[in-house]
Amino acid sequence: MSDFEESGPAAAEPQPSRRIVLALGAAAASTVVTIRPALAQTAGSLITCEIPVPAPEAAGQYIAADGTLVAPGTPGSFPPATRVITGEQAKVLLRGGTPTGVDSEAAQAYANYIRRLQAGMSGFTCYASLQMPR
């Protein structure tokens, strides 16, 4: 017997057999089972992912209010973050908040720096994952 059976004498398209329908159902069920843990892992990794401000290749640079990198001592600029910013802290920054231990004006400059991240820059993957809808 073939994998497709015709239903009725004038059937225009063959119908899948019971075996194919059952196989598709089993595949769909296993997909649901494997996606749920991946989503849970993603949620956990957002909290622990890190964004260096500035990126290691720009160590020593200061952050201007608009998020660009400038030379140390530039008026209106802020020193680099003392440690990497976690995904959770980045969420606070991007919503206009100020994480503990960060000056509010520096926090805004750091948020602007994070918004300027592009593919290939340190921290971009973390920032991009924060932008994904849940």
N, C-alpha and C. Protein backbone atom coordinates (compact mmCIF):
# COMPACT_ATOMS: atom_id res chain seq x y z
N MET A 1 0.85 -1.17 0.00
CA MET A 1 0.00 0.00 0.00
C MET A 1 0.89 1.24 0.00
N SER A 2 0.52 2.29 -0.70
CA SER A 2 1.34 3.50 -0.79
C SER A 2 1.08 4.40 0.41
N ASP A 3 1.93 5.45 0.54
CA ASP A 3 1.76 6.40 1.63
C ASP A 3 0.57 7.32 1.42
N PHE A 4 0.07 7.39 0.21
CA PHE A 4 -1.08 8.24 -0.09
C PHE A 4 -2.22 7.39 -0.61
N GLU A 5 -3.42 7.70 -0.13
CA GLU A 5 -4.60 6.98 -0.57
C GLU A 5 -5.56 7.98 -1.19
N GLU A 6 -6.20 7.58 -2.25
CA GLU A 6 -7.20 8.45 -2.85
C GLU A 6 -8.52 8.20 -2.16
N SER A 7 -9.26 9.27 -1.90
CA SER A 7 -10.58 9.11 -1.29
C SER A 7 -11.62 9.46 -2.35
N GLY A 8 -12.34 8.48 -2.76
CA GLY A 8 -13.37 8.69 -3.79
C GLY A 8 -12.80 8.52 -5.17
N PRO A 9 -13.65 8.20 -6.13
CA PRO A 9 -13.18 7.95 -7.48
C PRO A 9 -12.66 9.18 -8.20
N ALA A 10 -13.11 10.36 -7.85
CA ALA A 10 -12.72 11.58 -8.57
C ALA A 10 -11.85 12.48 -7.71
N ALA A 11 -11.09 11.92 -6.81
CA ALA A 11 -10.26 12.74 -5.93
C ALA A 11 -9.18 13.44 -6.75
N ALA A 12 -9.08 14.78 -6.58
CA ALA A 12 -8.11 15.56 -7.34
C ALA A 12 -6.71 15.42 -6.75
N GLU A 13 -6.61 15.34 -5.43
CA GLU A 13 -5.32 15.24 -4.79
C GLU A 13 -5.33 14.06 -3.83
N PRO A 14 -4.23 13.34 -3.74
CA PRO A 14 -4.18 12.21 -2.82
C PRO A 14 -4.19 12.70 -1.37
N GLN A 15 -4.74 11.91 -0.48
CA GLN A 15 -4.80 12.21 0.95
C GLN A 15 -3.70 11.42 1.67
N PRO A 16 -3.07 12.00 2.70
CA PRO A 16 -2.02 11.26 3.42
C PRO A 16 -2.62 10.08 4.18
N SER A 17 -1.85 9.04 4.28
CA SER A 17 -2.31 7.85 5.00
C SER A 17 -2.27 8.10 6.50
N ARG A 18 -2.84 7.21 7.24
CA ARG A 18 -2.86 7.30 8.70
C ARG A 18 -1.43 7.29 9.24
N ARG A 19 -0.56 6.51 8.62
CA ARG A 19 0.82 6.40 9.05
C ARG A 19 1.53 7.76 8.97
N ILE A 20 1.34 8.50 7.89
CA ILE A 20 1.98 9.81 7.72
C ILE A 20 1.42 10.80 8.73
N VAL A 21 0.11 10.80 8.93
CA VAL A 21 -0.51 11.71 9.89
C VAL A 21 0.03 11.46 11.30
N LEU A 22 0.15 10.19 11.68
CA LEU A 22 0.68 9.86 13.00
C LEU A 22 2.14 10.28 13.14
N ALA A 23 2.92 10.09 12.08
CA ALA A 23 4.33 10.49 12.12
C ALA A 23 4.47 12.01 12.27
N LEU A 24 3.64 12.77 11.56
CA LEU A 24 3.67 14.23 11.68
C LEU A 24 3.27 14.67 13.08
N GLY A 25 2.28 14.02 13.67
CA GLY A 25 1.86 14.35 15.03
C GLY A 25 2.97 14.09 16.04
N ALA A 26 3.67 12.98 15.87
CA ALA A 26 4.78 12.65 16.78
C ALA A 26 5.90 13.67 16.65
N ALA A 27 6.19 14.09 15.43
CA ALA A 27 7.25 15.08 15.22
C ALA A 27 6.87 16.42 15.85
N ALA A 28 5.62 16.82 15.71
CA ALA A 28 5.16 18.08 16.30
C ALA A 28 5.26 18.03 17.83
N ALA A 29 4.88 16.92 18.43
CA ALA A 29 4.94 16.79 19.88
C ALA A 29 6.37 16.88 20.39
N SER A 30 7.31 16.24 19.70
CA SER A 30 8.70 16.31 20.16
C SER A 30 9.27 17.70 19.98
N THR A 31 8.80 18.44 18.99
CA THR A 31 9.26 19.81 18.79
C THR A 31 8.84 20.68 19.97
N VAL A 32 7.60 20.54 20.41
CA VAL A 32 7.12 21.32 21.55
C VAL A 32 7.94 21.00 22.80
N VAL A 33 8.24 19.75 23.01
CA VAL A 33 9.00 19.33 24.18
C VAL A 33 10.41 19.92 24.16
N THR A 34 11.04 20.04 22.99
CA THR A 34 12.40 20.55 22.93
C THR A 34 12.46 22.07 22.93
N ILE A 35 11.42 22.76 22.49
CA ILE A 35 11.44 24.22 22.46
C ILE A 35 11.27 24.81 23.85
N ARG A 36 10.42 24.24 24.67
CA ARG A 36 10.17 24.80 26.00
C ARG A 36 11.44 24.92 26.84
N PRO A 37 12.27 23.90 26.95
CA PRO A 37 13.51 24.08 27.72
C PRO A 37 14.43 25.13 27.11
N ALA A 38 14.44 25.23 25.79
CA ALA A 38 15.29 26.23 25.14
C ALA A 38 14.83 27.63 25.52
N LEU A 39 13.52 27.85 25.57
CA LEU A 39 13.01 29.16 25.97
C LEU A 39 13.36 29.47 27.42
N ALA A 40 13.27 28.47 28.28
CA ALA A 40 13.63 28.67 29.68
C ALA A 40 15.11 29.01 29.80
N GLN A 41 15.95 28.34 29.03
CA GLN A 41 17.38 28.60 29.05
C GLN A 41 17.66 30.01 28.55
N THR A 42 16.94 30.45 27.52
CA THR A 42 17.12 31.80 26.99
C THR A 42 16.79 32.84 28.04
N ALA A 43 15.68 32.65 28.76
CA ALA A 43 15.29 33.60 29.79
C ALA A 43 16.38 33.70 30.86
N GLY A 44 16.96 32.57 31.24
CA GLY A 44 18.03 32.59 32.23
C GLY A 44 19.28 33.25 31.72
N SER A 45 19.59 33.06 30.45
CA SER A 45 20.82 33.63 29.92
C SER A 45 20.72 35.14 29.74
N LEU A 46 19.51 35.66 29.60
CA LEU A 46 19.35 37.11 29.49
C LEU A 46 19.76 37.81 30.78
N ILE A 47 19.53 37.16 31.88
CA ILE A 47 19.89 37.75 33.17
C ILE A 47 21.40 37.74 33.34
N THR A 48 22.07 36.72 32.83
CA THR A 48 23.50 36.57 33.06
C THR A 48 24.37 37.02 31.89
N CYS A 49 23.79 37.34 30.74
CA CYS A 49 24.64 37.79 29.63
C CYS A 49 25.29 39.12 30.02
N GLU A 50 26.37 39.48 29.35
CA GLU A 50 27.15 40.64 29.75
C GLU A 50 27.44 41.58 28.58
N ILE A 51 27.46 42.86 28.91
CA ILE A 51 27.80 43.89 27.93
C ILE A 51 28.92 44.75 28.53
N PRO A 52 30.13 44.66 27.98
CA PRO A 52 31.19 45.54 28.48
C PRO A 52 30.99 46.95 27.93
N VAL A 53 31.15 47.95 28.80
CA VAL A 53 31.00 49.35 28.38
C VAL A 53 32.25 50.10 28.79
N PRO A 54 33.13 50.39 27.82
CA PRO A 54 33.09 50.04 26.40
C PRO A 54 33.64 48.64 26.17
N ALA A 55 33.61 48.23 24.92
CA ALA A 55 34.13 46.92 24.52
C ALA A 55 35.63 46.87 24.85
N PRO A 56 36.15 45.66 25.08
CA PRO A 56 37.58 45.53 25.44
C PRO A 56 38.53 46.20 24.43
N GLU A 57 38.20 46.17 23.17
CA GLU A 57 39.09 46.78 22.18
C GLU A 57 39.12 48.31 22.28
N ALA A 58 38.18 48.88 23.04
CA ALA A 58 38.16 50.33 23.24
C ALA A 58 38.49 50.70 24.68
N ALA A 59 39.18 49.81 25.36
CA ALA A 59 39.53 50.06 26.77
C ALA A 59 40.24 51.40 26.91
N GLY A 60 39.89 52.12 27.95
CA GLY A 60 40.51 53.43 28.19
C GLY A 60 39.70 54.58 27.63
N GLN A 61 38.80 54.30 26.71
CA GLN A 61 37.96 55.36 26.15
C GLN A 61 36.86 55.73 27.14
N TYR A 62 36.38 56.95 27.06
CA TYR A 62 35.26 57.40 27.88
C TYR A 62 33.99 57.37 27.03
N ILE A 63 32.86 57.51 27.68
CA ILE A 63 31.58 57.45 27.00
C ILE A 63 30.95 58.85 27.02
N ALA A 64 30.67 59.40 25.85
CA ALA A 64 29.98 60.69 25.75
C ALA A 64 28.50 60.49 26.06
N ALA A 65 27.80 61.57 26.35
CA ALA A 65 26.39 61.50 26.70
C ALA A 65 25.56 60.83 25.61
N ASP A 66 25.98 60.96 24.35
CA ASP A 66 25.22 60.35 23.24
C ASP A 66 25.61 58.89 23.00
N GLY A 67 26.54 58.36 23.81
CA GLY A 67 26.92 56.96 23.70
C GLY A 67 28.13 56.71 22.83
N THR A 68 28.70 57.73 22.25
CA THR A 68 29.89 57.54 21.43
C THR A 68 31.13 57.45 22.33
N LEU A 69 32.19 56.89 21.78
CA LEU A 69 33.45 56.79 22.51
C LEU A 69 34.28 58.04 22.26
N VAL A 70 34.85 58.57 23.33
CA VAL A 70 35.66 59.78 23.23
C VAL A 70 36.93 59.59 24.06
N ALA A 71 37.86 60.50 23.89
CA ALA A 71 39.12 60.45 24.65
C ALA A 71 38.85 60.78 26.12
N PRO A 72 39.65 60.20 26.99
CA PRO A 72 39.51 60.52 28.41
C PRO A 72 39.66 62.03 28.64
N GLY A 73 38.87 62.54 29.57
CA GLY A 73 38.95 63.97 29.89
C GLY A 73 38.08 64.84 29.00
N THR A 74 37.40 64.27 28.01
CA THR A 74 36.52 65.06 27.16
C THR A 74 35.38 65.62 28.03
N PRO A 75 35.12 66.94 27.94
CA PRO A 75 34.05 67.52 28.76
C PRO A 75 32.70 66.82 28.50
N GLY A 76 32.00 66.54 29.58
CA GLY A 76 30.68 65.92 29.48
C GLY A 76 30.72 64.41 29.26
N SER A 77 31.92 63.82 29.32
CA SER A 77 32.02 62.38 29.12
C SER A 77 32.12 61.67 30.47
N PHE A 78 31.94 60.37 30.43
CA PHE A 78 31.92 59.57 31.65
C PHE A 78 32.94 58.44 31.54
N PRO A 79 33.56 58.09 32.67
CA PRO A 79 34.52 56.98 32.63
C PRO A 79 33.81 55.68 32.30
N PRO A 80 34.56 54.69 31.81
CA PRO A 80 33.94 53.40 31.49
C PRO A 80 33.30 52.79 32.74
N ALA A 81 32.36 51.89 32.51
CA ALA A 81 31.74 51.18 33.62
C ALA A 81 32.83 50.41 34.35
N THR A 82 32.73 50.34 35.67
CA THR A 82 33.77 49.67 36.46
C THR A 82 33.74 48.16 36.28
N ARG A 83 32.59 47.61 35.87
CA ARG A 83 32.48 46.18 35.57
C ARG A 83 31.47 46.01 34.44
N VAL A 84 31.42 44.82 33.87
CA VAL A 84 30.49 44.58 32.76
C VAL A 84 29.06 44.76 33.26
N ILE A 85 28.19 45.14 32.34
CA ILE A 85 26.78 45.33 32.66
C ILE A 85 26.05 44.04 32.31
N THR A 86 25.33 43.51 33.26
CA THR A 86 24.58 42.27 33.02
C THR A 86 23.34 42.58 32.19
N GLY A 87 22.73 41.54 31.65
CA GLY A 87 21.51 41.71 30.88
C GLY A 87 20.42 42.35 31.71
N GLU A 88 20.31 41.96 32.96
CA GLU A 88 19.30 42.53 33.86
C GLU A 88 19.55 44.02 34.08
N GLN A 89 20.81 44.41 34.30
CA GLN A 89 21.14 45.82 34.48
C GLN A 89 20.90 46.60 33.18
N ALA A 90 21.19 45.98 32.04
CA ALA A 90 20.96 46.64 30.75
C ALA A 90 19.48 46.92 30.55
N LYS A 91 18.63 45.98 30.95
CA LYS A 91 17.18 46.20 30.85
C LYS A 91 16.77 47.43 31.65
N VAL A 92 17.33 47.57 32.85
CA VAL A 92 17.04 48.73 33.70
C VAL A 92 17.51 50.01 33.01
N LEU A 93 18.74 49.99 32.50
CA LEU A 93 19.31 51.16 31.82
C LEU A 93 18.46 51.58 30.62
N LEU A 94 18.09 50.60 29.81
CA LEU A 94 17.36 50.90 28.57
C LEU A 94 15.95 51.41 28.84
N ARG A 95 15.44 51.16 30.03
CA ARG A 95 14.11 51.67 30.40
C ARG A 95 14.21 53.01 31.12
N GLY A 96 15.42 53.57 31.18
CA GLY A 96 15.60 54.87 31.82
C GLY A 96 15.94 54.80 33.29
N GLY A 97 16.15 53.61 33.82
CA GLY A 97 16.49 53.46 35.23
C GLY A 97 17.98 53.57 35.46
N THR A 98 18.34 53.53 36.73
CA THR A 98 19.74 53.61 37.11
C THR A 98 20.08 52.45 38.03
N PRO A 99 20.94 51.54 37.59
CA PRO A 99 21.34 50.44 38.47
C PRO A 99 22.09 50.96 39.70
N THR A 100 22.08 50.19 40.75
CA THR A 100 22.77 50.56 41.99
C THR A 100 24.25 50.81 41.72
N GLY A 101 24.75 51.90 42.26
CA GLY A 101 26.17 52.22 42.15
C GLY A 101 26.56 52.95 40.87
N VAL A 102 25.59 53.35 40.05
CA VAL A 102 25.89 54.06 38.81
C VAL A 102 25.26 55.44 38.86
N ASP A 103 26.04 56.46 38.55
CA ASP A 103 25.54 57.84 38.47
C ASP A 103 24.44 57.92 37.41
N SER A 104 23.39 58.68 37.66
CA SER A 104 22.25 58.71 36.73
C SER A 104 22.63 59.25 35.35
N GLU A 105 23.52 60.25 35.30
CA GLU A 105 23.94 60.78 33.99
C GLU A 105 24.81 59.77 33.25
N ALA A 106 25.69 59.10 33.98
CA ALA A 106 26.53 58.06 33.38
C ALA A 106 25.65 56.92 32.90
N ALA A 107 24.62 56.58 33.66
CA ALA A 107 23.70 55.50 33.28
C ALA A 107 23.05 55.80 31.93
N GLN A 108 22.67 57.05 31.71
CA GLN A 108 22.05 57.42 30.44
C GLN A 108 23.07 57.30 29.30
N ALA A 109 24.32 57.69 29.55
CA ALA A 109 25.37 57.57 28.53
C ALA A 109 25.63 56.09 28.23
N TYR A 110 25.65 55.25 29.25
CA TYR A 110 25.85 53.81 29.05
C TYR A 110 24.70 53.22 28.24
N ALA A 111 23.48 53.65 28.55
CA ALA A 111 22.32 53.16 27.79
C ALA A 111 22.44 53.56 26.33
N ASN A 112 22.87 54.78 26.07
CA ASN A 112 23.04 55.23 24.68
C ASN A 112 24.14 54.44 23.99
N TYR A 113 25.21 54.10 24.72
CA TYR A 113 26.28 53.27 24.16
C TYR A 113 25.71 51.91 23.77
N ILE A 114 24.94 51.31 24.66
CA ILE A 114 24.35 49.99 24.39
C ILE A 114 23.45 50.05 23.17
N ARG A 115 22.66 51.10 23.04
CA ARG A 115 21.76 51.24 21.88
C ARG A 115 22.53 51.34 20.56
N ARG A 116 23.79 51.79 20.62
CA ARG A 116 24.61 51.94 19.42
C ARG A 116 25.35 50.65 19.04
N LEU A 117 25.25 49.61 19.86
CA LEU A 117 25.95 48.37 19.55
C LEU A 117 25.48 47.80 18.21
N GLN A 118 26.42 47.25 17.48
CA GLN A 118 26.13 46.64 16.18
C GLN A 118 26.70 45.24 16.15
N ALA A 119 26.23 44.45 15.19
CA ALA A 119 26.70 43.08 15.04
C ALA A 119 28.23 43.05 14.98
N GLY A 120 28.81 42.13 15.71
CA GLY A 120 30.26 41.99 15.73
C GLY A 120 30.92 42.69 16.91
N MET A 121 30.18 43.56 17.59
CA MET A 121 30.72 44.26 18.75
C MET A 121 30.46 43.45 20.02
N SER A 122 31.36 43.54 20.98
CA SER A 122 31.18 42.86 22.26
C SER A 122 29.88 43.32 22.92
N GLY A 123 29.07 42.37 23.32
CA GLY A 123 27.81 42.69 23.99
C GLY A 123 26.62 42.78 23.07
N PHE A 124 26.84 42.77 21.75
CA PHE A 124 25.72 42.92 20.83
C PHE A 124 24.70 41.79 20.96
N THR A 125 25.18 40.56 21.08
CA THR A 125 24.27 39.43 21.17
C THR A 125 23.37 39.56 22.40
N CYS A 126 23.93 39.99 23.50
CA CYS A 126 23.15 40.20 24.72
C CYS A 126 22.11 41.29 24.48
N TYR A 127 22.53 42.41 23.91
CA TYR A 127 21.61 43.51 23.62
C TYR A 127 20.51 43.06 22.67
N ALA A 128 20.86 42.33 21.63
CA ALA A 128 19.86 41.87 20.66
C ALA A 128 18.86 40.95 21.33
N SER A 129 19.31 40.10 22.24
CA SER A 129 18.40 39.20 22.91
C SER A 129 17.43 39.95 23.82
N LEU A 130 17.86 41.09 24.34
CA LEU A 130 16.96 41.91 25.16
C LEU A 130 15.86 42.55 24.33
N GLN A 131 16.12 42.70 23.03
CA GLN A 131 15.14 43.32 22.14
C GLN A 131 14.08 42.35 21.63
N MET A 132 14.32 41.05 21.82
CA MET A 132 13.40 40.03 21.31
C MET A 132 12.13 40.01 22.15
N PRO A 133 10.97 39.95 21.50
CA PRO A 133 9.72 39.84 22.27
C PRO A 133 9.64 38.48 22.93
N ARG A 134 8.95 38.41 24.02
CA ARG A 134 8.79 37.14 24.75
C ARG A 134 7.47 36.53 24.44
